[in-house]
Amino acid sequence: MFDDLNAAIGDQPPPVATTTELVTRLRGYLKHLSDIAVADVGCSPTAEMGLLVERGRPLREEPLPPDRQRAVGLARRLAFLTEDLVGALIEARYLKGPDE
């Protein structure tokens, strides 16, 4: 996941040939992390997690633009939101951080 996040928001834009697959994988990561955030019915997600999950729903459903520049933009938006959700999940102790 972190390699894909770096590919989307790193110094270089992702290669044309891999942008579609990258968007697909990022959507999957965001869906999986969103599921983790809301999975425990006995423990509500934090307000930040709830907001990120809500922001992610329409983004995951957004059609892949045919224009490469816009497709890269979608990949970047997905990556930034995924990165924010990972941080919120780690902070709320739903996931272990890299140092744990």
PDB file of N, CA and C in Angstrom:
ATOM      1  N   MET A   1       0.813  -1.179   0.000  1.00  0.00           N
ATOM      2  CA  MET A   1       0.000   0.000   0.000  1.00  0.00           C
ATOM      3  C   MET A   1       0.868   1.258   0.000  1.00  0.00           C
ATOM      4  N   PHE A   2       1.904   1.278   0.817  1.00  0.00           N
ATOM      5  CA  PHE A   2       2.713   2.480   0.911  1.00  0.00           C
ATOM      6  C   PHE A   2       3.484   2.756  -0.376  1.00  0.00           C
ATOM      7  N   ASP A   3       3.859   1.714  -1.093  1.00  0.00           N
ATOM      8  CA  ASP A   3       4.496   1.918  -2.397  1.00  0.00           C
ATOM      9  C   ASP A   3       3.525   2.578  -3.367  1.00  0.00           C
ATOM     10  N   ASP A   4       2.268   2.153  -3.333  1.00  0.00           N
ATOM     11  CA  ASP A   4       1.259   2.750  -4.210  1.00  0.00           C
ATOM     12  C   ASP A   4       0.961   4.192  -3.807  1.00  0.00           C
ATOM     13  N   LEU A   5       0.924   4.467  -2.517  1.00  0.00           N
ATOM     14  CA  LEU A   5       0.732   5.843  -2.075  1.00  0.00           C
ATOM     15  C   LEU A   5       1.870   6.719  -2.569  1.00  0.00           C
ATOM     16  N   ASN A   6       3.075   6.219  -2.460  1.00  0.00           N
ATOM     17  CA  ASN A   6       4.236   6.971  -2.934  1.00  0.00           C
ATOM     18  C   ASN A   6       4.187   7.153  -4.447  1.00  0.00           C
ATOM     19  N   ALA A   7       3.738   6.139  -5.172  1.00  0.00           N
ATOM     20  CA  ALA A   7       3.637   6.248  -6.628  1.00  0.00           C
ATOM     21  C   ALA A   7       2.646   7.338  -7.017  1.00  0.00           C
ATOM     22  N   ALA A   8       1.589   7.500  -6.233  1.00  0.00           N
ATOM     23  CA  ALA A   8       0.557   8.482  -6.564  1.00  0.00           C
ATOM     24  C   ALA A   8       0.925   9.890  -6.119  1.00  0.00           C
ATOM     25  N   ILE A   9       1.574  10.021  -4.964  1.00  0.00           N
ATOM     26  CA  ILE A   9       1.828  11.365  -4.428  1.00  0.00           C
ATOM     27  C   ILE A   9       3.307  11.676  -4.271  1.00  0.00           C
ATOM     28  N   GLY A  10       4.147  10.847  -4.855  1.00  0.00           N
ATOM     29  CA  GLY A  10       5.580  11.091  -4.798  1.00  0.00           C
ATOM     30  C   GLY A  10       6.003  12.201  -5.752  1.00  0.00           C
ATOM     31  N   ASP A  11       7.294  12.305  -5.962  1.00  0.00           N
ATOM     32  CA  ASP A  11       7.860  13.367  -6.791  1.00  0.00           C
ATOM     33  C   ASP A  11       7.502  13.240  -8.264  1.00  0.00           C
ATOM     34  N   GLN A  12       7.331  12.016  -8.749  1.00  0.00           N
ATOM     35  CA  GLN A  12       7.030  11.781 -10.160  1.00  0.00           C
ATOM     36  C   GLN A  12       5.615  11.246 -10.317  1.00  0.00           C
ATOM     37  N   PRO A  13       4.885  11.701 -11.336  1.00  0.00           N
ATOM     38  CA  PRO A  13       3.561  11.127 -11.561  1.00  0.00           C
ATOM     39  C   PRO A  13       3.680   9.669 -11.980  1.00  0.00           C
ATOM     40  N   PRO A  14       2.654   8.877 -11.701  1.00  0.00           N
ATOM     41  CA  PRO A  14       2.722   7.462 -12.073  1.00  0.00           C
ATOM     42  C   PRO A  14       2.792   7.303 -13.593  1.00  0.00           C
ATOM     43  N   PRO A  15       3.428   6.255 -14.071  1.00  0.00           N
ATOM     44  CA  PRO A  15       3.490   6.015 -15.513  1.00  0.00           C
ATOM     45  C   PRO A  15       2.096   5.824 -16.098  1.00  0.00           C
ATOM     46  N   VAL A  16       1.940   6.243 -17.336  1.00  0.00           N
ATOM     47  CA  VAL A  16       0.653   6.142 -18.020  1.00  0.00           C
ATOM     48  C   VAL A  16       0.117   4.718 -17.970  1.00  0.00           C
ATOM     49  N   ALA A  17       0.977   3.751 -18.205  1.00  0.00           N
ATOM     50  CA  ALA A  17       0.556   2.352 -18.307  1.00  0.00           C
ATOM     51  C   ALA A  17       0.018   1.794 -16.996  1.00  0.00           C
ATOM     52  N   THR A  18       0.358   2.400 -15.869  1.00  0.00           N
ATOM     53  CA  THR A  18      -0.050   1.841 -14.580  1.00  0.00           C
ATOM     54  C   THR A  18      -1.102   2.665 -13.849  1.00  0.00           C
ATOM     55  N   THR A  19      -1.512   3.784 -14.403  1.00  0.00           N
ATOM     56  CA  THR A  19      -2.433   4.673 -13.691  1.00  0.00           C
ATOM     57  C   THR A  19      -3.766   3.999 -13.393  1.00  0.00           C
ATOM     58  N   THR A  20      -4.332   3.284 -14.348  1.00  0.00           N
ATOM     59  CA  THR A  20      -5.621   2.619 -14.131  1.00  0.00           C
ATOM     60  C   THR A  20      -5.529   1.602 -13.009  1.00  0.00           C
ATOM     61  N   GLU A  21      -4.498   0.775 -13.030  1.00  0.00           N
ATOM     62  CA  GLU A  21      -4.320  -0.236 -11.983  1.00  0.00           C
ATOM     63  C   GLU A  21      -4.058   0.418 -10.630  1.00  0.00           C
ATOM     64  N   LEU A  22      -3.317   1.512 -10.633  1.00  0.00           N
ATOM     65  CA  LEU A  22      -3.024   2.230  -9.393  1.00  0.00           C
ATOM     66  C   LEU A  22      -4.315   2.759  -8.774  1.00  0.00           C
ATOM     67  N   VAL A  23      -5.162   3.367  -9.574  1.00  0.00           N
ATOM     68  CA  VAL A  23      -6.445   3.874  -9.076  1.00  0.00           C
ATOM     69  C   VAL A  23      -7.283   2.727  -8.511  1.00  0.00           C
ATOM     70  N   THR A  24      -7.302   1.608  -9.184  1.00  0.00           N
ATOM     71  CA  THR A  24      -8.057   0.447  -8.708  1.00  0.00           C
ATOM     72  C   THR A  24      -7.538  -0.021  -7.352  1.00  0.00           C
ATOM     73  N   ARG A  25      -6.237  -0.124  -7.213  1.00  0.00           N
ATOM     74  CA  ARG A  25      -5.662  -0.559  -5.934  1.00  0.00           C
ATOM     75  C   ARG A  25      -5.941   0.463  -4.828  1.00  0.00           C
ATOM     76  N   LEU A  26      -5.796   1.756  -5.134  1.00  0.00           N
ATOM     77  CA  LEU A  26      -6.044   2.792  -4.130  1.00  0.00           C
ATOM     78  C   LEU A  26      -7.497   2.770  -3.673  1.00  0.00           C
ATOM     79  N   ARG A  27      -8.424   2.538  -4.591  1.00  0.00           N
ATOM     80  CA  ARG A  27      -9.833   2.403  -4.209  1.00  0.00           C
ATOM     81  C   ARG A  27     -10.013   1.234  -3.250  1.00  0.00           C
ATOM     82  N   GLY A  28      -9.335   0.137  -3.525  1.00  0.00           N
ATOM     83  CA  GLY A  28      -9.418  -1.034  -2.659  1.00  0.00           C
ATOM     84  C   GLY A  28      -8.865  -0.760  -1.270  1.00  0.00           C
ATOM     85  N   TYR A  29      -7.727  -0.084  -1.197  1.00  0.00           N
ATOM     86  CA  TYR A  29      -7.150   0.251   0.110  1.00  0.00           C
ATOM     87  C   TYR A  29      -8.107   1.144   0.898  1.00  0.00           C
ATOM     88  N   LEU A  30      -8.654   2.155   0.218  1.00  0.00           N
ATOM     89  CA  LEU A  30      -9.551   3.079   0.887  1.00  0.00           C
ATOM     90  C   LEU A  30     -10.801   2.355   1.383  1.00  0.00           C
ATOM     91  N   LYS A  31     -11.329   1.457   0.597  1.00  0.00           N
ATOM     92  CA  LYS A  31     -12.504   0.671   1.002  1.00  0.00           C
ATOM     93  C   LYS A  31     -12.180  -0.189   2.220  1.00  0.00           C
ATOM     94  N   HIS A  32     -11.047  -0.873   2.166  1.00  0.00           N
ATOM     95  CA  HIS A  32     -10.640  -1.744   3.273  1.00  0.00           C
ATOM     96  C   HIS A  32     -10.450  -0.935   4.563  1.00  0.00           C
ATOM     97  N   LEU A  33      -9.769   0.189   4.470  1.00  0.00           N
ATOM     98  CA  LEU A  33      -9.536   1.011   5.655  1.00  0.00           C
ATOM     99  C   LEU A  33     -10.843   1.613   6.178  1.00  0.00           C
ATOM    100  N   SER A  34     -11.737   1.977   5.276  1.00  0.00           N
ATOM    101  CA  SER A  34     -13.046   2.490   5.686  1.00  0.00           C
ATOM    102  C   SER A  34     -13.827   1.418   6.438  1.00  0.00           C
ATOM    103  N   ASP A  35     -13.743   0.181   5.949  1.00  0.00           N
ATOM    104  CA  ASP A  35     -14.399  -0.933   6.629  1.00  0.00           C
ATOM    105  C   ASP A  35     -13.837  -1.130   8.031  1.00  0.00           C
ATOM    106  N   ILE A  36     -12.540  -1.003   8.183  1.00  0.00           N
ATOM    107  CA  ILE A  36     -11.915  -1.117   9.510  1.00  0.00           C
ATOM    108  C   ILE A  36     -12.435  -0.023  10.433  1.00  0.00           C
ATOM    109  N   ALA A  37     -12.558   1.187   9.909  1.00  0.00           N
ATOM    110  CA  ALA A  37     -12.985   2.328  10.723  1.00  0.00           C
ATOM    111  C   ALA A  37     -14.380   2.148  11.294  1.00  0.00           C
ATOM    112  N   VAL A  38     -15.268   1.488  10.565  1.00  0.00           N
ATOM    113  CA  VAL A  38     -16.655   1.372  11.010  1.00  0.00           C
ATOM    114  C   VAL A  38     -17.042  -0.047  11.437  1.00  0.00           C
ATOM    115  N   ALA A  39     -16.098  -0.966  11.474  1.00  0.00           N
ATOM    116  CA  ALA A  39     -16.397  -2.384  11.711  1.00  0.00           C
ATOM    117  C   ALA A  39     -16.884  -2.689  13.119  1.00  0.00           C
ATOM    118  N   ASP A  40     -16.335  -2.039  14.118  1.00  0.00           N
ATOM    119  CA  ASP A  40     -16.668  -2.373  15.504  1.00  0.00           C
ATOM    120  C   ASP A  40     -17.908  -1.597  15.932  1.00  0.00           C
ATOM    121  N   VAL A  41     -19.049  -2.283  15.990  1.00  0.00           N
ATOM    122  CA  VAL A  41     -20.300  -1.619  16.357  1.00  0.00           C
ATOM    123  C   VAL A  41     -20.291  -1.129  17.799  1.00  0.00           C
ATOM    124  N   GLY A  42     -19.447  -1.686  18.625  1.00  0.00           N
ATOM    125  CA  GLY A  42     -19.361  -1.270  20.022  1.00  0.00           C
ATOM    126  C   GLY A  42     -18.478  -0.055  20.232  1.00  0.00           C
ATOM    127  N   CYS A  43     -17.756   0.342  19.201  1.00  0.00           N
ATOM    128  CA  CYS A  43     -16.830   1.466  19.320  1.00  0.00           C
ATOM    129  C   CYS A  43     -16.970   2.332  18.069  1.00  0.00           C
ATOM    130  N   SER A  44     -17.580   3.469  18.231  1.00  0.00           N
ATOM    131  CA  SER A  44     -17.804   4.358  17.092  1.00  0.00           C
ATOM    132  C   SER A  44     -16.488   4.944  16.604  1.00  0.00           C
ATOM    133  N   PRO A  45     -16.378   5.176  15.292  1.00  0.00           N
ATOM    134  CA  PRO A  45     -15.182   5.824  14.774  1.00  0.00           C
ATOM    135  C   PRO A  45     -15.094   7.262  15.293  1.00  0.00           C
ATOM    136  N   THR A  46     -13.893   7.788  15.336  1.00  0.00           N
ATOM    137  CA  THR A  46     -13.730   9.179  15.738  1.00  0.00           C
ATOM    138  C   THR A  46     -14.396  10.070  14.699  1.00  0.00           C
ATOM    139  N   ALA A  47     -14.611  11.321  15.057  1.00  0.00           N
ATOM    140  CA  ALA A  47     -15.226  12.267  14.124  1.00  0.00           C
ATOM    141  C   ALA A  47     -14.379  12.402  12.865  1.00  0.00           C
ATOM    142  N   GLU A  48     -13.063  12.437  13.031  1.00  0.00           N
ATOM    143  CA  GLU A  48     -12.168  12.552  11.876  1.00  0.00           C
ATOM    144  C   GLU A  48     -12.289  11.324  10.972  1.00  0.00           C
ATOM    145  N   MET A  49     -12.293  10.142  11.575  1.00  0.00           N
ATOM    146  CA  MET A  49     -12.431   8.930  10.771  1.00  0.00           C
ATOM    147  C   MET A  49     -13.766   8.920  10.036  1.00  0.00           C
ATOM    148  N   GLY A  50     -14.828   9.307  10.713  1.00  0.00           N
ATOM    149  CA  GLY A  50     -16.137   9.349  10.078  1.00  0.00           C
ATOM    150  C   GLY A  50     -16.159  10.296   8.893  1.00  0.00           C
ATOM    151  N   LEU A  51     -15.551  11.450   9.051  1.00  0.00           N
ATOM    152  CA  LEU A  51     -15.483  12.419   7.963  1.00  0.00           C
ATOM    153  C   LEU A  51     -14.684  11.868   6.783  1.00  0.00           C
ATOM    154  N   LEU A  52     -13.554  11.230   7.066  1.00  0.00           N
ATOM    155  CA  LEU A  52     -12.725  10.667   5.998  1.00  0.00           C
ATOM    156  C   LEU A  52     -13.452   9.540   5.264  1.00  0.00           C
ATOM    157  N   VAL A  53     -14.160   8.701   6.011  1.00  0.00           N
ATOM    158  CA  VAL A  53     -14.928   7.616   5.388  1.00  0.00           C
ATOM    159  C   VAL A  53     -15.996   8.205   4.478  1.00  0.00           C
ATOM    160  N   GLU A  54     -16.687   9.231   4.949  1.00  0.00           N
ATOM    161  CA  GLU A  54     -17.742   9.867   4.141  1.00  0.00           C
ATOM    162  C   GLU A  54     -17.159  10.538   2.896  1.00  0.00           C
ATOM    163  N   ARG A  55     -16.027  11.178   3.031  1.00  0.00           N
ATOM    164  CA  ARG A  55     -15.385  11.809   1.872  1.00  0.00           C
ATOM    165  C   ARG A  55     -14.911  10.773   0.866  1.00  0.00           C
ATOM    166  N   GLY A  56     -14.571   9.593   1.357  1.00  0.00           N
ATOM    167  CA  GLY A  56     -14.050   8.550   0.492  1.00  0.00           C
ATOM    168  C   GLY A  56     -15.097   7.840  -0.341  1.00  0.00           C
ATOM    169  N   ARG A  57     -16.320   7.775   0.142  1.00  0.00           N
ATOM    170  CA  ARG A  57     -17.363   7.031  -0.587  1.00  0.00           C
ATOM    171  C   ARG A  57     -17.552   7.535  -2.013  1.00  0.00           C
ATOM    172  N   PRO A  58     -17.838   8.813  -2.229  1.00  0.00           N
ATOM    173  CA  PRO A  58     -18.025   9.255  -3.623  1.00  0.00           C
ATOM    174  C   PRO A  58     -16.733   9.195  -4.435  1.00  0.00           C
ATOM    175  N   LEU A  59     -15.606   9.386  -3.779  1.00  0.00           N
ATOM    176  CA  LEU A  59     -14.326   9.336  -4.479  1.00  0.00           C
ATOM    177  C   LEU A  59     -14.037   7.932  -4.998  1.00  0.00           C
ATOM    178  N   ARG A  60     -14.402   6.918  -4.214  1.00  0.00           N
ATOM    179  CA  ARG A  60     -14.199   5.533  -4.653  1.00  0.00           C
ATOM    180  C   ARG A  60     -15.076   5.192  -5.851  1.00  0.00           C
ATOM    181  N   GLU A  61     -16.211   5.852  -5.974  1.00  0.00           N
ATOM    182  CA  GLU A  61     -17.155   5.576  -7.061  1.00  0.00           C
ATOM    183  C   GLU A  61     -16.926   6.466  -8.287  1.00  0.00           C
ATOM    184  N   GLU A  62     -16.090   7.469  -8.149  1.00  0.00           N
ATOM    185  CA  GLU A  62     -15.862   8.392  -9.268  1.00  0.00           C
ATOM    186  C   GLU A  62     -15.285   7.629 -10.464  1.00  0.00           C
ATOM    187  N   PRO A  63     -15.876   7.805 -11.640  1.00  0.00           N
ATOM    188  CA  PRO A  63     -15.353   7.102 -12.819  1.00  0.00           C
ATOM    189  C   PRO A  63     -13.930   7.559 -13.143  1.00  0.00           C
ATOM    190  N   LEU A  64     -13.165   6.648 -13.689  1.00  0.00           N
ATOM    191  CA  LEU A  64     -11.800   6.978 -14.085  1.00  0.00           C
ATOM    192  C   LEU A  64     -11.860   7.910 -15.300  1.00  0.00           C
ATOM    193  N   PRO A  65     -11.320   9.104 -15.180  1.00  0.00           N
ATOM    194  CA  PRO A  65     -11.334  10.025 -16.314  1.00  0.00           C
ATOM    195  C   PRO A  65     -10.487   9.483 -17.467  1.00  0.00           C
ATOM    196  N   PRO A  66     -10.919   9.712 -18.700  1.00  0.00           N
ATOM    197  CA  PRO A  66     -10.137   9.236 -19.841  1.00  0.00           C
ATOM    198  C   PRO A  66      -8.847  10.039 -20.044  1.00  0.00           C
ATOM    199  N   ASP A  67      -8.855  11.266 -19.581  1.00  0.00           N
ATOM    200  CA  ASP A  67      -7.682  12.128 -19.691  1.00  0.00           C
ATOM    201  C   ASP A  67      -6.643  11.726 -18.640  1.00  0.00           C
ATOM    202  N   ARG A  68      -5.405  11.507 -19.062  1.00  0.00           N
ATOM    203  CA  ARG A  68      -4.356  11.045 -18.147  1.00  0.00           C
ATOM    204  C   ARG A  68      -4.146  11.996 -16.975  1.00  0.00           C
ATOM    205  N   GLN A  69      -4.120  13.289 -17.251  1.00  0.00           N
ATOM    206  CA  GLN A  69      -3.886  14.277 -16.195  1.00  0.00           C
ATOM    207  C   GLN A  69      -4.962  14.183 -15.113  1.00  0.00           C
ATOM    208  N   ARG A  70      -6.201  14.043 -15.516  1.00  0.00           N
ATOM    209  CA  ARG A  70      -7.294  13.934 -14.545  1.00  0.00           C
ATOM    210  C   ARG A  70      -7.267  12.587 -13.827  1.00  0.00           C
ATOM    211  N   ALA A  71      -6.850  11.541 -14.528  1.00  0.00           N
ATOM    212  CA  ALA A  71      -6.728  10.223 -13.893  1.00  0.00           C
ATOM    213  C   ALA A  71      -5.660  10.259 -12.804  1.00  0.00           C
ATOM    214  N   VAL A  72      -4.548  10.932 -13.089  1.00  0.00           N
ATOM    215  CA  VAL A  72      -3.502  11.094 -12.078  1.00  0.00           C
ATOM    216  C   VAL A  72      -4.039  11.925 -10.913  1.00  0.00           C
ATOM    217  N   GLY A  73      -4.844  12.934 -11.213  1.00  0.00           N
ATOM    218  CA  GLY A  73      -5.460  13.726 -10.148  1.00  0.00           C
ATOM    219  C   GLY A  73      -6.353  12.890  -9.249  1.00  0.00           C
ATOM    220  N   LEU A  74      -7.119  11.986  -9.852  1.00  0.00           N
ATOM    221  CA  LEU A  74      -7.961  11.081  -9.057  1.00  0.00           C
ATOM    222  C   LEU A  74      -7.090  10.181  -8.191  1.00  0.00           C
ATOM    223  N   ALA A  75      -6.035   9.651  -8.766  1.00  0.00           N
ATOM    224  CA  ALA A  75      -5.123   8.793  -7.995  1.00  0.00           C
ATOM    225  C   ALA A  75      -4.541   9.563  -6.817  1.00  0.00           C
ATOM    226  N   ARG A  76      -4.167  10.807  -7.041  1.00  0.00           N
ATOM    227  CA  ARG A  76      -3.586  11.619  -5.966  1.00  0.00           C
ATOM    228  C   ARG A  76      -4.623  11.903  -4.866  1.00  0.00           C
ATOM    229  N   ARG A  77      -5.848  12.227  -5.252  1.00  0.00           N
ATOM    230  CA  ARG A  77      -6.894  12.479  -4.245  1.00  0.00           C
ATOM    231  C   ARG A  77      -7.166  11.223  -3.427  1.00  0.00           C
ATOM    232  N   LEU A  78      -7.240  10.078  -4.100  1.00  0.00           N
ATOM    233  CA  LEU A  78      -7.422   8.811  -3.390  1.00  0.00           C
ATOM    234  C   LEU A  78      -6.256   8.548  -2.433  1.00  0.00           C
ATOM    235  N   ALA A  79      -5.049   8.801  -2.893  1.00  0.00           N
ATOM    236  CA  ALA A  79      -3.855   8.539  -2.075  1.00  0.00           C
ATOM    237  C   ALA A  79      -3.805   9.448  -0.853  1.00  0.00           C
ATOM    238  N   PHE A  80      -4.075  10.732  -1.034  1.00  0.00           N
ATOM    239  CA  PHE A  80      -4.055  11.648   0.108  1.00  0.00           C
ATOM    240  C   PHE A  80      -5.119  11.273   1.136  1.00  0.00           C
ATOM    241  N   LEU A  81      -6.302  10.933   0.675  1.00  0.00           N
ATOM    242  CA  LEU A  81      -7.366  10.540   1.593  1.00  0.00           C
ATOM    243  C   LEU A  81      -7.024   9.231   2.301  1.00  0.00           C
ATOM    244  N   THR A  82      -6.463   8.277   1.568  1.00  0.00           N
ATOM    245  CA  THR A  82      -6.047   7.007   2.161  1.00  0.00           C
ATOM    246  C   THR A  82      -4.975   7.236   3.219  1.00  0.00           C
ATOM    247  N   GLU A  83      -4.014   8.080   2.903  1.00  0.00           N
ATOM    248  CA  GLU A  83      -2.944   8.396   3.851  1.00  0.00           C
ATOM    249  C   GLU A  83      -3.509   9.040   5.117  1.00  0.00           C
ATOM    250  N   ASP A  84      -4.455   9.964   4.952  1.00  0.00           N
ATOM    251  CA  ASP A  84      -5.079  10.603   6.114  1.00  0.00           C
ATOM    252  C   ASP A  84      -5.847   9.587   6.959  1.00  0.00           C
ATOM    253  N   LEU A  85      -6.544   8.667   6.304  1.00  0.00           N
ATOM    254  CA  LEU A  85      -7.309   7.662   7.040  1.00  0.00           C
ATOM    255  C   LEU A  85      -6.385   6.704   7.779  1.00  0.00           C
ATOM    256  N   VAL A  86      -5.288   6.318   7.163  1.00  0.00           N
ATOM    257  CA  VAL A  86      -4.297   5.473   7.855  1.00  0.00           C
ATOM    258  C   VAL A  86      -3.817   6.184   9.120  1.00  0.00           C
ATOM    259  N   GLY A  87      -3.487   7.459   9.000  1.00  0.00           N
ATOM    260  CA  GLY A  87      -3.023   8.227  10.163  1.00  0.00           C
ATOM    261  C   GLY A  87      -4.073   8.288  11.259  1.00  0.00           C
ATOM    262  N   ALA A  88      -5.324   8.517  10.883  1.00  0.00           N
ATOM    263  CA  ALA A  88      -6.399   8.579  11.872  1.00  0.00           C
ATOM    264  C   ALA A  88      -6.614   7.226  12.539  1.00  0.00           C
ATOM    265  N   LEU A  89      -6.521   6.150  11.771  1.00  0.00           N
ATOM    266  CA  LEU A  89      -6.684   4.806  12.347  1.00  0.00           C
ATOM    267  C   LEU A  89      -5.546   4.462  13.298  1.00  0.00           C
ATOM    268  N   ILE A  90      -4.343   4.871  12.959  1.00  0.00           N
ATOM    269  CA  ILE A  90      -3.198   4.632  13.851  1.00  0.00           C
ATOM    270  C   ILE A  90      -3.360   5.444  15.132  1.00  0.00           C
ATOM    271  N   GLU A  91      -3.743   6.707  14.983  1.00  0.00           N
ATOM    272  CA  GLU A  91      -3.910   7.568  16.149  1.00  0.00           C
ATOM    273  C   GLU A  91      -4.990   7.048  17.090  1.00  0.00           C
ATOM    274  N   ALA A  92      -6.055   6.493  16.528  1.00  0.00           N
ATOM    275  CA  ALA A  92      -7.149   5.957  17.346  1.00  0.00           C
ATOM    276  C   ALA A  92      -6.865   4.529  17.821  1.00  0.00           C
ATOM    277  N   ARG A  93      -5.703   3.999  17.460  1.00  0.00           N
ATOM    278  CA  ARG A  93      -5.266   2.657  17.869  1.00  0.00           C
ATOM    279  C   ARG A  93      -6.067   1.543  17.207  1.00  0.00           C
ATOM    280  N   TYR A  94      -6.642   1.817  16.030  1.00  0.00           N
ATOM    281  CA  TYR A  94      -7.315   0.772  15.250  1.00  0.00           C
ATOM    282  C   TYR A  94      -6.281  -0.026  14.460  1.00  0.00           C
ATOM    283  N   LEU A  95      -5.154   0.615  14.158  1.00  0.00           N
ATOM    284  CA  LEU A  95      -4.035  -0.020  13.466  1.00  0.00           C
ATOM    285  C   LEU A  95      -2.760   0.251  14.229  1.00  0.00           C
ATOM    286  N   LYS A  96      -1.791  -0.608  14.071  1.00  0.00           N
ATOM    287  CA  LYS A  96      -0.483  -0.374  14.665  1.00  0.00           C
ATOM    288  C   LYS A  96       0.318   0.531  13.745  1.00  0.00           C
ATOM    289  N   GLY A  97       1.073   1.418  14.362  1.00  0.00           N
ATOM    290  CA  GLY A  97       1.945   2.303  13.593  1.00  0.00           C
ATOM    291  C   GLY A  97       3.190   1.580  13.145  1.00  0.00           C
ATOM    292  N   PRO A  98       3.980   2.208  12.297  1.00  0.00           N
ATOM    293  CA  PRO A  98       5.185   1.550  11.772  1.00  0.00           C
ATOM    294  C   PRO A  98       6.233   1.260  12.854  1.00  0.00           C
ATOM    295  N   ASP A  99       6.175   1.971  13.969  1.00  0.00           N
ATOM    296  CA  ASP A  99       7.161   1.763  15.026  1.00  0.00           C
ATOM    297  C   ASP A  99       6.702   0.766  16.078  1.00  0.00           C
ATOM    298  N   GLU A 100       5.513   0.210  15.905  1.00  0.00           N
ATOM    299  CA  GLU A 100       4.977  -0.694  16.933  1.00  0.00           C
ATOM    300  C   GLU A 100       5.184  -2.130  16.547  1.00  0.00           C
TER     301      GLU A 100
END
